[in-house]
Amino acid sequence: MTPIQPPPSPRRPLLTFLCRRLEGWRLRHQLPFNFAVHMVGIPLALLGVVLLFTPLAWYWGVGAFVLGYLLQYVGHRAEGNDLGEWAAIKRLVGLPYVGIAPRWHPDDPSRL
C-alpha cells in the first residue's frame, strides 16, 4: 500500500491532519473483505442515523444502524483487530487493544 503523504506546508494543518487519519484508517482496513464491508457498512450506519430523526421510519433507522455496525464488526473480526471506537475506549481506560492486525505490521507504528 502506498502511504498518503501529507503536504509539507505547515500552512495546511487541517489537510495534514486529514491525510494522517486517512493513512491510519487504511492501515487498519487492509484486508479486501474488511474494506469492502466497510464501504457498505459505513454509509448504512450513517443512513440509519439520519433515519432515526424521521418520525415515520425510526425503526428503519435502528435497523440500518445496527446492520451497518454489524457489517463493520464482521470485517474487523476477519481482519483481526478491534473496531476503531472500541480501540479508543480501551486505550482511554488502559486496556490492551489491537489497533492494526498483527499480520500487517507497519514500518513505523508511531505513524498512528
PDB file of N, CA and C in Angstrom:
ATOM      1  N   MET A   1       0.839  -1.162   0.000  1.00  0.00           N
ATOM      2  CA  MET A   1       0.000   0.000   0.000  1.00  0.00           C
ATOM      3  C   MET A   1       0.889   1.232   0.000  1.00  0.00           C
ATOM      4  N   THR A   2       0.558   2.190  -0.813  1.00  0.00           N
ATOM      5  CA  THR A   2       1.315   3.423  -0.879  1.00  0.00           C
ATOM      6  C   THR A   2       0.811   4.372   0.191  1.00  0.00           C
ATOM      7  N   PRO A   3       1.692   4.844   1.076  1.00  0.00           N
ATOM      8  CA  PRO A   3       1.225   5.765   2.110  1.00  0.00           C
ATOM      9  C   PRO A   3       0.840   7.102   1.506  1.00  0.00           C
ATOM     10  N   ILE A   4      -0.150   7.713   2.096  1.00  0.00           N
ATOM     11  CA  ILE A   4      -0.587   9.034   1.655  1.00  0.00           C
ATOM     12  C   ILE A   4       0.313  10.047   2.323  1.00  0.00           C
ATOM     13  N   GLN A   5       0.966  10.852   1.525  1.00  0.00           N
ATOM     14  CA  GLN A   5       1.906  11.824   2.055  1.00  0.00           C
ATOM     15  C   GLN A   5       1.206  13.161   2.256  1.00  0.00           C
ATOM     16  N   PRO A   6       1.197  13.671   3.483  1.00  0.00           N
ATOM     17  CA  PRO A   6       0.624  14.998   3.689  1.00  0.00           C
ATOM     18  C   PRO A   6       1.515  16.053   3.061  1.00  0.00           C
ATOM     19  N   PRO A   7       0.938  17.151   2.658  1.00  0.00           N
ATOM     20  CA  PRO A   7       1.748  18.202   2.057  1.00  0.00           C
ATOM     21  C   PRO A   7       2.742  18.749   3.079  1.00  0.00           C
ATOM     22  N   PRO A   8       3.939  19.128   2.632  1.00  0.00           N
ATOM     23  CA  PRO A   8       4.954  19.601   3.567  1.00  0.00           C
ATOM     24  C   PRO A   8       4.671  20.984   4.139  1.00  0.00           C
ATOM     25  N   SER A   9       3.733  21.701   3.584  1.00  0.00           N
ATOM     26  CA  SER A   9       3.464  23.062   4.013  1.00  0.00           C
ATOM     27  C   SER A   9       2.828  23.088   5.407  1.00  0.00           C
ATOM     28  N   PRO A  10       3.418  23.833   6.353  1.00  0.00           N
ATOM     29  CA  PRO A  10       2.812  23.941   7.682  1.00  0.00           C
ATOM     30  C   PRO A  10       1.586  24.839   7.675  1.00  0.00           C
ATOM     31  N   ARG A  11       1.271  25.427   6.542  1.00  0.00           N
ATOM     32  CA  ARG A  11       0.119  26.318   6.462  1.00  0.00           C
ATOM     33  C   ARG A  11      -1.185  25.557   6.259  1.00  0.00           C
ATOM     34  N   ARG A  12      -1.110  24.248   6.137  1.00  0.00           N
ATOM     35  CA  ARG A  12      -2.313  23.450   5.916  1.00  0.00           C
ATOM     36  C   ARG A  12      -2.454  22.390   7.004  1.00  0.00           C
ATOM     37  N   PRO A  13      -2.659  22.777   8.247  1.00  0.00           N
ATOM     38  CA  PRO A  13      -2.718  21.784   9.323  1.00  0.00           C
ATOM     39  C   PRO A  13      -3.931  20.870   9.211  1.00  0.00           C
ATOM     40  N   LEU A  14      -5.058  21.375   8.720  1.00  0.00           N
ATOM     41  CA  LEU A  14      -6.246  20.536   8.591  1.00  0.00           C
ATOM     42  C   LEU A  14      -6.022  19.444   7.552  1.00  0.00           C
ATOM     43  N   LEU A  15      -5.428  19.801   6.424  1.00  0.00           N
ATOM     44  CA  LEU A  15      -5.160  18.819   5.379  1.00  0.00           C
ATOM     45  C   LEU A  15      -4.155  17.776   5.865  1.00  0.00           C
ATOM     46  N   THR A  16      -3.130  18.213   6.589  1.00  0.00           N
ATOM     47  CA  THR A  16      -2.160  17.280   7.156  1.00  0.00           C
ATOM     48  C   THR A  16      -2.839  16.324   8.126  1.00  0.00           C
ATOM     49  N   PHE A  17      -3.697  16.852   8.988  1.00  0.00           N
ATOM     50  CA  PHE A  17      -4.433  16.030   9.951  1.00  0.00           C
ATOM     51  C   PHE A  17      -5.301  14.998   9.237  1.00  0.00           C
ATOM     52  N   LEU A  18      -6.041  15.429   8.214  1.00  0.00           N
ATOM     53  CA  LEU A  18      -6.925  14.512   7.486  1.00  0.00           C
ATOM     54  C   LEU A  18      -6.140  13.439   6.736  1.00  0.00           C
ATOM     55  N   CYS A  19      -5.012  13.799   6.159  1.00  0.00           N
ATOM     56  CA  CYS A  19      -4.184  12.805   5.458  1.00  0.00           C
ATOM     57  C   CYS A  19      -3.649  11.758   6.416  1.00  0.00           C
ATOM     58  N   ARG A  20      -3.233  12.172   7.607  1.00  0.00           N
ATOM     59  CA  ARG A  20      -2.748  11.211   8.605  1.00  0.00           C
ATOM     60  C   ARG A  20      -3.861  10.295   9.075  1.00  0.00           C
ATOM     61  N   ARG A  21      -5.062  10.816   9.272  1.00  0.00           N
ATOM     62  CA  ARG A  21      -6.198   9.984   9.695  1.00  0.00           C
ATOM     63  C   ARG A  21      -6.565   8.978   8.600  1.00  0.00           C
ATOM     64  N   LEU A  22      -6.551   9.408   7.339  1.00  0.00           N
ATOM     65  CA  LEU A  22      -6.863   8.505   6.240  1.00  0.00           C
ATOM     66  C   LEU A  22      -5.815   7.403   6.133  1.00  0.00           C
ATOM     67  N   GLU A  23      -4.549   7.757   6.315  1.00  0.00           N
ATOM     68  CA  GLU A  23      -3.494   6.750   6.262  1.00  0.00           C
ATOM     69  C   GLU A  23      -3.668   5.730   7.391  1.00  0.00           C
ATOM     70  N   GLY A  24      -3.995   6.200   8.588  1.00  0.00           N
ATOM     71  CA  GLY A  24      -4.247   5.287   9.705  1.00  0.00           C
ATOM     72  C   GLY A  24      -5.444   4.401   9.455  1.00  0.00           C
ATOM     73  N   TRP A  25      -6.494   4.961   8.852  1.00  0.00           N
ATOM     74  CA  TRP A  25      -7.695   4.170   8.552  1.00  0.00           C
ATOM     75  C   TRP A  25      -7.355   3.081   7.539  1.00  0.00           C
ATOM     76  N   ARG A  26      -6.563   3.430   6.550  1.00  0.00           N
ATOM     77  CA  ARG A  26      -6.194   2.435   5.538  1.00  0.00           C
ATOM     78  C   ARG A  26      -5.304   1.338   6.117  1.00  0.00           C
ATOM     79  N   LEU A  27      -4.467   1.677   7.102  1.00  0.00           N
ATOM     80  CA  LEU A  27      -3.642   0.659   7.756  1.00  0.00           C
ATOM     81  C   LEU A  27      -4.501  -0.341   8.529  1.00  0.00           C
ATOM     82  N   ARG A  28      -5.609   0.129   9.089  1.00  0.00           N
ATOM     83  CA  ARG A  28      -6.479  -0.749   9.878  1.00  0.00           C
ATOM     84  C   ARG A  28      -7.486  -1.517   9.028  1.00  0.00           C
ATOM     85  N   HIS A  29      -7.540  -1.232   7.741  1.00  0.00           N
ATOM     86  CA  HIS A  29      -8.516  -1.877   6.845  1.00  0.00           C
ATOM     87  C   HIS A  29      -7.817  -2.398   5.594  1.00  0.00           C
ATOM     88  N   GLN A  30      -6.787  -3.213   5.752  1.00  0.00           N
ATOM     89  CA  GLN A  30      -6.012  -3.700   4.617  1.00  0.00           C
ATOM     90  C   GLN A  30      -6.594  -4.949   3.977  1.00  0.00           C
ATOM     91  N   LEU A  31      -7.325  -5.744   4.725  1.00  0.00           N
ATOM     92  CA  LEU A  31      -7.937  -6.948   4.175  1.00  0.00           C
ATOM     93  C   LEU A  31      -9.040  -6.526   3.201  1.00  0.00           C
ATOM     94  N   PRO A  32      -9.034  -7.010   1.966  1.00  0.00           N
ATOM     95  CA  PRO A  32     -10.039  -6.571   0.992  1.00  0.00           C
ATOM     96  C   PRO A  32     -11.481  -6.803   1.458  1.00  0.00           C
ATOM     97  N   PHE A  33     -11.722  -7.913   2.157  1.00  0.00           N
ATOM     98  CA  PHE A  33     -13.078  -8.166   2.659  1.00  0.00           C
ATOM     99  C   PHE A  33     -13.487  -7.097   3.667  1.00  0.00           C
ATOM    100  N   ASN A  34     -12.592  -6.761   4.588  1.00  0.00           N
ATOM    101  CA  ASN A  34     -12.891  -5.745   5.600  1.00  0.00           C
ATOM    102  C   ASN A  34     -13.157  -4.395   4.933  1.00  0.00           C
ATOM    103  N   PHE A  35     -12.331  -4.039   3.967  1.00  0.00           N
ATOM    104  CA  PHE A  35     -12.519  -2.773   3.259  1.00  0.00           C
ATOM    105  C   PHE A  35     -13.874  -2.756   2.547  1.00  0.00           C
ATOM    106  N   ALA A  36     -14.221  -3.871   1.904  1.00  0.00           N
ATOM    107  CA  ALA A  36     -15.487  -3.930   1.150  1.00  0.00           C
ATOM    108  C   ALA A  36     -16.699  -3.822   2.062  1.00  0.00           C
ATOM    109  N   VAL A  37     -16.701  -4.539   3.185  1.00  0.00           N
ATOM    110  CA  VAL A  37     -17.873  -4.453   4.060  1.00  0.00           C
ATOM    111  C   VAL A  37     -17.957  -3.080   4.720  1.00  0.00           C
ATOM    112  N   HIS A  38     -16.817  -2.390   4.889  1.00  0.00           N
ATOM    113  CA  HIS A  38     -16.872  -1.027   5.401  1.00  0.00           C
ATOM    114  C   HIS A  38     -17.481  -0.071   4.373  1.00  0.00           C
ATOM    115  N   MET A  39     -17.229  -0.335   3.098  1.00  0.00           N
ATOM    116  CA  MET A  39     -17.808   0.524   2.064  1.00  0.00           C
ATOM    117  C   MET A  39     -19.332   0.392   2.012  1.00  0.00           C
ATOM    118  N   VAL A  40     -19.866  -0.685   2.545  1.00  0.00           N
ATOM    119  CA  VAL A  40     -21.315  -0.852   2.660  1.00  0.00           C
ATOM    120  C   VAL A  40     -21.778  -0.447   4.058  1.00  0.00           C
ATOM    121  N   GLY A  41     -21.049  -0.880   5.080  1.00  0.00           N
ATOM    122  CA  GLY A  41     -21.471  -0.677   6.466  1.00  0.00           C
ATOM    123  C   GLY A  41     -21.455   0.768   6.924  1.00  0.00           C
ATOM    124  N   ILE A  42     -20.448   1.536   6.534  1.00  0.00           N
ATOM    125  CA  ILE A  42     -20.371   2.935   6.975  1.00  0.00           C
ATOM    126  C   ILE A  42     -21.531   3.763   6.422  1.00  0.00           C
ATOM    127  N   PRO A  43     -21.796   3.736   5.104  1.00  0.00           N
ATOM    128  CA  PRO A  43     -22.951   4.507   4.623  1.00  0.00           C
ATOM    129  C   PRO A  43     -24.276   4.010   5.208  1.00  0.00           C
ATOM    130  N   LEU A  44     -24.389   2.702   5.430  1.00  0.00           N
ATOM    131  CA  LEU A  44     -25.616   2.161   6.001  1.00  0.00           C
ATOM    132  C   LEU A  44     -25.814   2.665   7.427  1.00  0.00           C
ATOM    133  N   ALA A  45     -24.764   2.699   8.225  1.00  0.00           N
ATOM    134  CA  ALA A  45     -24.866   3.208   9.598  1.00  0.00           C
ATOM    135  C   ALA A  45     -25.193   4.703   9.591  1.00  0.00           C
ATOM    136  N   LEU A  46     -24.581   5.458   8.692  1.00  0.00           N
ATOM    137  CA  LEU A  46     -24.886   6.890   8.602  1.00  0.00           C
ATOM    138  C   LEU A  46     -26.322   7.132   8.160  1.00  0.00           C
ATOM    139  N   LEU A  47     -26.788   6.330   7.212  1.00  0.00           N
ATOM    140  CA  LEU A  47     -28.179   6.427   6.797  1.00  0.00           C
ATOM    141  C   LEU A  47     -29.110   6.116   7.968  1.00  0.00           C
ATOM    142  N   GLY A  48     -28.722   5.138   8.770  1.00  0.00           N
ATOM    143  CA  GLY A  48     -29.513   4.799   9.947  1.00  0.00           C
ATOM    144  C   GLY A  48     -29.631   5.963  10.909  1.00  0.00           C
ATOM    145  N   VAL A  49     -28.549   6.706  11.107  1.00  0.00           N
ATOM    146  CA  VAL A  49     -28.600   7.873  11.989  1.00  0.00           C
ATOM    147  C   VAL A  49     -29.558   8.914  11.436  1.00  0.00           C
ATOM    148  N   VAL A  50     -29.508   9.138  10.133  1.00  0.00           N
ATOM    149  CA  VAL A  50     -30.422  10.105   9.510  1.00  0.00           C
ATOM    150  C   VAL A  50     -31.866   9.642   9.668  1.00  0.00           C
ATOM    151  N   LEU A  51     -32.109   8.365   9.436  1.00  0.00           N
ATOM    152  CA  LEU A  51     -33.472   7.847   9.536  1.00  0.00           C
ATOM    153  C   LEU A  51     -34.013   7.864  10.965  1.00  0.00           C
ATOM    154  N   LEU A  52     -33.136   7.869  11.948  1.00  0.00           N
ATOM    155  CA  LEU A  52     -33.595   7.947  13.339  1.00  0.00           C
ATOM    156  C   LEU A  52     -34.365   9.236  13.612  1.00  0.00           C
ATOM    157  N   PHE A  53     -34.064  10.275  12.854  1.00  0.00           N
ATOM    158  CA  PHE A  53     -34.701  11.566  13.079  1.00  0.00           C
ATOM    159  C   PHE A  53     -35.922  11.796  12.196  1.00  0.00           C
ATOM    160  N   THR A  54     -36.345  10.786  11.464  1.00  0.00           N
ATOM    161  CA  THR A  54     -37.589  10.889  10.710  1.00  0.00           C
ATOM    162  C   THR A  54     -38.675  10.203  11.536  1.00  0.00           C
ATOM    163  N   PRO A  55     -39.784  10.861  11.749  1.00  0.00           N
ATOM    164  CA  PRO A  55     -40.789  10.316  12.668  1.00  0.00           C
ATOM    165  C   PRO A  55     -41.465   9.033  12.182  1.00  0.00           C
ATOM    166  N   LEU A  56     -41.567   8.828  10.890  1.00  0.00           N
ATOM    167  CA  LEU A  56     -42.293   7.665  10.394  1.00  0.00           C
ATOM    168  C   LEU A  56     -41.418   6.424  10.221  1.00  0.00           C
ATOM    169  N   ALA A  57     -40.100   6.613  10.149  1.00  0.00           N
ATOM    170  CA  ALA A  57     -39.254   5.477   9.818  1.00  0.00           C
ATOM    171  C   ALA A  57     -38.124   5.281  10.831  1.00  0.00           C
ATOM    172  N   TRP A  58     -38.343   5.575  12.092  1.00  0.00           N
ATOM    173  CA  TRP A  58     -37.277   5.455  13.084  1.00  0.00           C
ATOM    174  C   TRP A  58     -36.794   4.011  13.215  1.00  0.00           C
ATOM    175  N   TYR A  59     -37.701   3.040  13.081  1.00  0.00           N
ATOM    176  CA  TYR A  59     -37.315   1.639  13.223  1.00  0.00           C
ATOM    177  C   TYR A  59     -36.419   1.193  12.068  1.00  0.00           C
ATOM    178  N   TRP A  60     -36.591   1.788  10.872  1.00  0.00           N
ATOM    179  CA  TRP A  60     -35.679   1.508   9.769  1.00  0.00           C
ATOM    180  C   TRP A  60     -34.298   2.081  10.085  1.00  0.00           C
ATOM    181  N   GLY A  61     -34.285   3.213  10.761  1.00  0.00           N
ATOM    182  CA  GLY A  61     -33.027   3.818  11.165  1.00  0.00           C
ATOM    183  C   GLY A  61     -32.267   2.940  12.142  1.00  0.00           C
ATOM    184  N   VAL A  62     -32.966   2.388  13.116  1.00  0.00           N
ATOM    185  CA  VAL A  62     -32.323   1.493  14.077  1.00  0.00           C
ATOM    186  C   VAL A  62     -31.788   0.260  13.353  1.00  0.00           C
ATOM    187  N   GLY A  63     -32.585  -0.305  12.460  1.00  0.00           N
ATOM    188  CA  GLY A  63     -32.163  -1.487  11.720  1.00  0.00           C
ATOM    189  C   GLY A  63     -30.948  -1.224  10.839  1.00  0.00           C
ATOM    190  N   ALA A  64     -30.956  -0.089  10.136  1.00  0.00           N
ATOM    191  CA  ALA A  64     -29.831   0.250   9.261  1.00  0.00           C
ATOM    192  C   ALA A  64     -28.571   0.507  10.074  1.00  0.00           C
ATOM    193  N   PHE A  65     -28.709   1.193  11.208  1.00  0.00           N
ATOM    194  CA  PHE A  65     -27.553   1.469  12.049  1.00  0.00           C
ATOM    195  C   PHE A  65     -26.950   0.180  12.602  1.00  0.00           C
ATOM    196  N   VAL A  66     -27.800  -0.700  13.112  1.00  0.00           N
ATOM    197  CA  VAL A  66     -27.315  -1.962  13.683  1.00  0.00           C
ATOM    198  C   VAL A  66     -26.682  -2.835  12.601  1.00  0.00           C
ATOM    199  N   LEU A  67     -27.314  -2.935  11.434  1.00  0.00           N
ATOM    200  CA  LEU A  67     -26.759  -3.741  10.352  1.00  0.00           C
ATOM    201  C   LEU A  67     -25.431  -3.162   9.857  1.00  0.00           C
ATOM    202  N   GLY A  68     -25.342  -1.841   9.742  1.00  0.00           N
ATOM    203  CA  GLY A  68     -24.093  -1.209   9.314  1.00  0.00           C
ATOM    204  C   GLY A  68     -22.958  -1.484  10.286  1.00  0.00           C
ATOM    205  N   TYR A  69     -23.253  -1.376  11.584  1.00  0.00           N
ATOM    206  CA  TYR A  69     -22.217  -1.673  12.569  1.00  0.00           C
ATOM    207  C   TYR A  69     -21.883  -3.152  12.610  1.00  0.00           C
ATOM    208  N   LEU A  70     -22.870  -4.004  12.416  1.00  0.00           N
ATOM    209  CA  LEU A  70     -22.622  -5.444  12.393  1.00  0.00           C
ATOM    210  C   LEU A  70     -21.685  -5.810  11.238  1.00  0.00           C
ATOM    211  N   LEU A  71     -21.903  -5.216  10.082  1.00  0.00           N
ATOM    212  CA  LEU A  71     -21.016  -5.468   8.949  1.00  0.00           C
ATOM    213  C   LEU A  71     -19.582  -5.045   9.266  1.00  0.00           C
ATOM    214  N   GLN A  72     -19.428  -3.884   9.892  1.00  0.00           N
ATOM    215  CA  GLN A  72     -18.094  -3.421  10.243  1.00  0.00           C
ATOM    216  C   GLN A  72     -17.458  -4.334  11.287  1.00  0.00           C
ATOM    217  N   TYR A  73     -18.242  -4.813  12.230  1.00  0.00           N
ATOM    218  CA  TYR A  73     -17.738  -5.731  13.251  1.00  0.00           C
ATOM    219  C   TYR A  73     -17.233  -7.024  12.604  1.00  0.00           C
ATOM    220  N   VAL A  74     -18.013  -7.562  11.673  1.00  0.00           N
ATOM    221  CA  VAL A  74     -17.604  -8.788  10.978  1.00  0.00           C
ATOM    222  C   VAL A  74     -16.307  -8.552  10.201  1.00  0.00           C
ATOM    223  N   GLY A  75     -16.184  -7.398   9.565  1.00  0.00           N
ATOM    224  CA  GLY A  75     -14.961  -7.079   8.832  1.00  0.00           C
ATOM    225  C   GLY A  75     -13.749  -7.007   9.744  1.00  0.00           C
ATOM    226  N   HIS A  76     -13.913  -6.391  10.905  1.00  0.00           N
ATOM    227  CA  HIS A  76     -12.788  -6.290  11.832  1.00  0.00           C
ATOM    228  C   HIS A  76     -12.449  -7.630  12.464  1.00  0.00           C
ATOM    229  N   ARG A  77     -13.424  -8.488  12.673  1.00  0.00           N
ATOM    230  CA  ARG A  77     -13.133  -9.836  13.178  1.00  0.00           C
ATOM    231  C   ARG A  77     -12.312 -10.608  12.143  1.00  0.00           C
ATOM    232  N   ALA A  78     -12.667 -10.452  10.857  1.00  0.00           N
ATOM    233  CA  ALA A  78     -11.914 -11.126   9.800  1.00  0.00           C
ATOM    234  C   ALA A  78     -10.496 -10.562   9.696  1.00  0.00           C
ATOM    235  N   GLU A  79     -10.359  -9.257   9.875  1.00  0.00           N
ATOM    236  CA  GLU A  79      -9.041  -8.619   9.804  1.00  0.00           C
ATOM    237  C   GLU A  79      -8.170  -8.982  11.005  1.00  0.00           C
ATOM    238  N   GLY A  80      -8.791  -9.095  12.168  1.00  0.00           N
ATOM    239  CA  GLY A  80      -8.045  -9.448  13.376  1.00  0.00           C
ATOM    240  C   GLY A  80      -7.713  -8.275  14.266  1.00  0.00           C
ATOM    241  N   ASN A  81      -8.455  -7.169  14.144  1.00  0.00           N
ATOM    242  CA  ASN A  81      -8.219  -6.024  15.013  1.00  0.00           C
ATOM    243  C   ASN A  81      -9.536  -5.521  15.606  1.00  0.00           C
ATOM    244  N   ASP A  82      -9.425  -4.597  16.559  1.00  0.00           N
ATOM    245  CA  ASP A  82     -10.603  -4.053  17.229  1.00  0.00           C
ATOM    246  C   ASP A  82     -11.260  -2.976  16.382  1.00  0.00           C
ATOM    247  N   LEU A  83     -12.563  -2.807  16.574  1.00  0.00           N
ATOM    248  CA  LEU A  83     -13.264  -1.681  15.970  1.00  0.00           C
ATOM    249  C   LEU A  83     -12.630  -0.388  16.453  1.00  0.00           C
ATOM    250  N   GLY A  84     -12.645   0.634  15.628  1.00  0.00           N
ATOM    251  CA  GLY A  84     -11.989   1.889  15.980  1.00  0.00           C
ATOM    252  C   GLY A  84     -12.503   2.512  17.260  1.00  0.00           C
ATOM    253  N   GLU A  85     -13.820   2.519  17.450  1.00  0.00           N
ATOM    254  CA  GLU A  85     -14.386   3.116  18.648  1.00  0.00           C
ATOM    255  C   GLU A  85     -14.018   2.313  19.888  1.00  0.00           C
ATOM    256  N   TRP A  86     -14.052   0.990  19.780  1.00  0.00           N
ATOM    257  CA  TRP A  86     -13.703   0.144  20.923  1.00  0.00           C
ATOM    258  C   TRP A  86     -12.227   0.266  21.253  1.00  0.00           C
ATOM    259  N   ALA A  87     -11.387   0.382  20.239  1.00  0.00           N
ATOM    260  CA  ALA A  87      -9.953   0.552  20.493  1.00  0.00           C
ATOM    261  C   ALA A  87      -9.711   1.861  21.236  1.00  0.00           C
ATOM    262  N   ALA A  88     -10.409   2.914  20.848  1.00  0.00           N
ATOM    263  CA  ALA A  88     -10.242   4.206  21.530  1.00  0.00           C
ATOM    264  C   ALA A  88     -10.712   4.122  22.980  1.00  0.00           C
ATOM    265  N   ILE A  89     -11.831   3.462  23.208  1.00  0.00           N
ATOM    266  CA  ILE A  89     -12.338   3.319  24.581  1.00  0.00           C
ATOM    267  C   ILE A  89     -11.380   2.483  25.415  1.00  0.00           C
ATOM    268  N   LYS A  90     -10.899   1.373  24.848  1.00  0.00           N
ATOM    269  CA  LYS A  90      -9.950   0.535  25.575  1.00  0.00           C
ATOM    270  C   LYS A  90      -8.673   1.307  25.898  1.00  0.00           C
ATOM    271  N   ARG A  91      -8.198   2.113  24.955  1.00  0.00           N
ATOM    272  CA  ARG A  91      -6.998   2.899  25.185  1.00  0.00           C
ATOM    273  C   ARG A  91      -7.212   3.900  26.320  1.00  0.00           C
ATOM    274  N   LEU A  92      -8.393   4.534  26.359  1.00  0.00           N
ATOM    275  CA  LEU A  92      -8.677   5.514  27.404  1.00  0.00           C
ATOM    276  C   LEU A  92      -8.700   4.901  28.795  1.00  0.00           C
ATOM    277  N   VAL A  93      -9.233   3.683  28.921  1.00  0.00           N
ATOM    278  CA  VAL A  93      -9.317   3.059  30.246  1.00  0.00           C
ATOM    279  C   VAL A  93      -8.114   2.178  30.552  1.00  0.00           C
ATOM    280  N   GLY A  94      -7.148   2.114  29.650  1.00  0.00           N
ATOM    281  CA  GLY A  94      -5.916   1.394  29.921  1.00  0.00           C
ATOM    282  C   GLY A  94      -5.947  -0.093  29.616  1.00  0.00           C
ATOM    283  N   LEU A  95      -6.921  -0.553  28.847  1.00  0.00           N
ATOM    284  CA  LEU A  95      -6.990  -1.958  28.478  1.00  0.00           C
ATOM    285  C   LEU A  95      -6.189  -2.219  27.212  1.00  0.00           C
ATOM    286  N   PRO A  96      -5.713  -3.436  27.025  1.00  0.00           N
ATOM    287  CA  PRO A  96      -4.993  -3.741  25.782  1.00  0.00           C
ATOM    288  C   PRO A  96      -5.957  -3.770  24.592  1.00  0.00           C
ATOM    289  N   TYR A  97      -5.485  -3.342  23.469  1.00  0.00           N
ATOM    290  CA  TYR A  97      -6.303  -3.332  22.259  1.00  0.00           C
ATOM    291  C   TYR A  97      -5.418  -3.664  21.070  1.00  0.00           C
ATOM    292  N   VAL A  98      -6.063  -4.037  19.961  1.00  0.00           N
ATOM    293  CA  VAL A  98      -5.342  -4.343  18.729  1.00  0.00           C
ATOM    294  C   VAL A  98      -5.744  -3.285  17.701  1.00  0.00           C
ATOM    295  N   GLY A  99      -4.875  -2.324  17.474  1.00  0.00           N
ATOM    296  CA  GLY A  99      -5.165  -1.252  16.529  1.00  0.00           C
ATOM    297  C   GLY A  99      -5.000  -1.708  15.088  1.00  0.00           C
ATOM    298  N   ILE A 100      -3.886  -2.392  14.831  1.00  0.00           N
ATOM    299  CA  ILE A 100      -3.602  -2.918  13.495  1.00  0.00           C
ATOM    300  C   ILE A 100      -3.383  -4.412  13.653  1.00  0.00           C
ATOM    301  N   ALA A 101      -3.990  -5.184  12.784  1.00  0.00           N
ATOM    302  CA  ALA A 101      -3.856  -6.634  12.862  1.00  0.00           C
ATOM    303  C   ALA A 101      -2.380  -7.021  12.812  1.00  0.00           C
ATOM    304  N   PRO A 102      -1.985  -8.013  13.619  1.00  0.00           N
ATOM    305  CA  PRO A 102      -0.575  -8.405  13.666  1.00  0.00           C
ATOM    306  C   PRO A 102       0.014  -8.791  12.309  1.00  0.00           C
ATOM    307  N   ARG A 103      -0.804  -9.262  11.387  1.00  0.00           N
ATOM    308  CA  ARG A 103      -0.251  -9.667  10.090  1.00  0.00           C
ATOM    309  C   ARG A 103       0.178  -8.489   9.227  1.00  0.00           C
ATOM    310  N   TRP A 104      -0.234  -7.276   9.567  1.00  0.00           N
ATOM    311  CA  TRP A 104       0.094  -6.101   8.757  1.00  0.00           C
ATOM    312  C   TRP A 104       1.077  -5.186   9.483  1.00  0.00           C
ATOM    313  N   HIS A 105       2.040  -5.664  10.203  1.00  0.00           N
ATOM    314  CA  HIS A 105       2.938  -4.818  10.978  1.00  0.00           C
ATOM    315  C   HIS A 105       3.413  -3.612  10.157  1.00  0.00           C
ATOM    316  N   PRO A 106       3.081  -2.409  10.617  1.00  0.00           N
ATOM    317  CA  PRO A 106       3.562  -1.233   9.875  1.00  0.00           C
ATOM    318  C   PRO A 106       5.041  -0.994  10.126  1.00  0.00           C
ATOM    319  N   ASP A 107       5.649  -0.278   9.215  1.00  0.00           N
ATOM    320  CA  ASP A 107       7.068   0.037   9.352  1.00  0.00           C
ATOM    321  C   ASP A 107       7.325   0.881  10.595  1.00  0.00           C
ATOM    322  N   ASP A 108       6.454   1.850  10.834  1.00  0.00           N
ATOM    323  CA  ASP A 108       6.619   2.762  11.960  1.00  0.00           C
ATOM    324  C   ASP A 108       5.290   2.903  12.685  1.00  0.00           C
ATOM    325  N   PRO A 109       5.067   2.156  13.790  1.00  0.00           N
ATOM    326  CA  PRO A 109       3.782   2.219  14.486  1.00  0.00           C
ATOM    327  C   PRO A 109       3.454   3.586  15.045  1.00  0.00           C
ATOM    328  N   SER A 110       4.429   4.464  15.186  1.00  0.00           N
ATOM    329  CA  SER A 110       4.139   5.785  15.736  1.00  0.00           C
ATOM    330  C   SER A 110       3.392   6.675  14.727  1.00  0.00           C
ATOM    331  N   ARG A 111       3.236   6.197  13.492  1.00  0.00           N
ATOM    332  CA  ARG A 111       2.508   6.987  12.485  1.00  0.00           C
ATOM    333  C   ARG A 111       1.050   7.162  12.856  1.00  0.00           C
ATOM    334  N   LEU A 112       0.511   6.260  13.654  1.00  0.00           N
ATOM    335  CA  LEU A 112      -0.888   6.359  14.021  1.00  0.00           C
ATOM    336  C   LEU A 112      -1.034   7.299  15.173  1.00  0.00           C
TER     337      LEU A 112
END
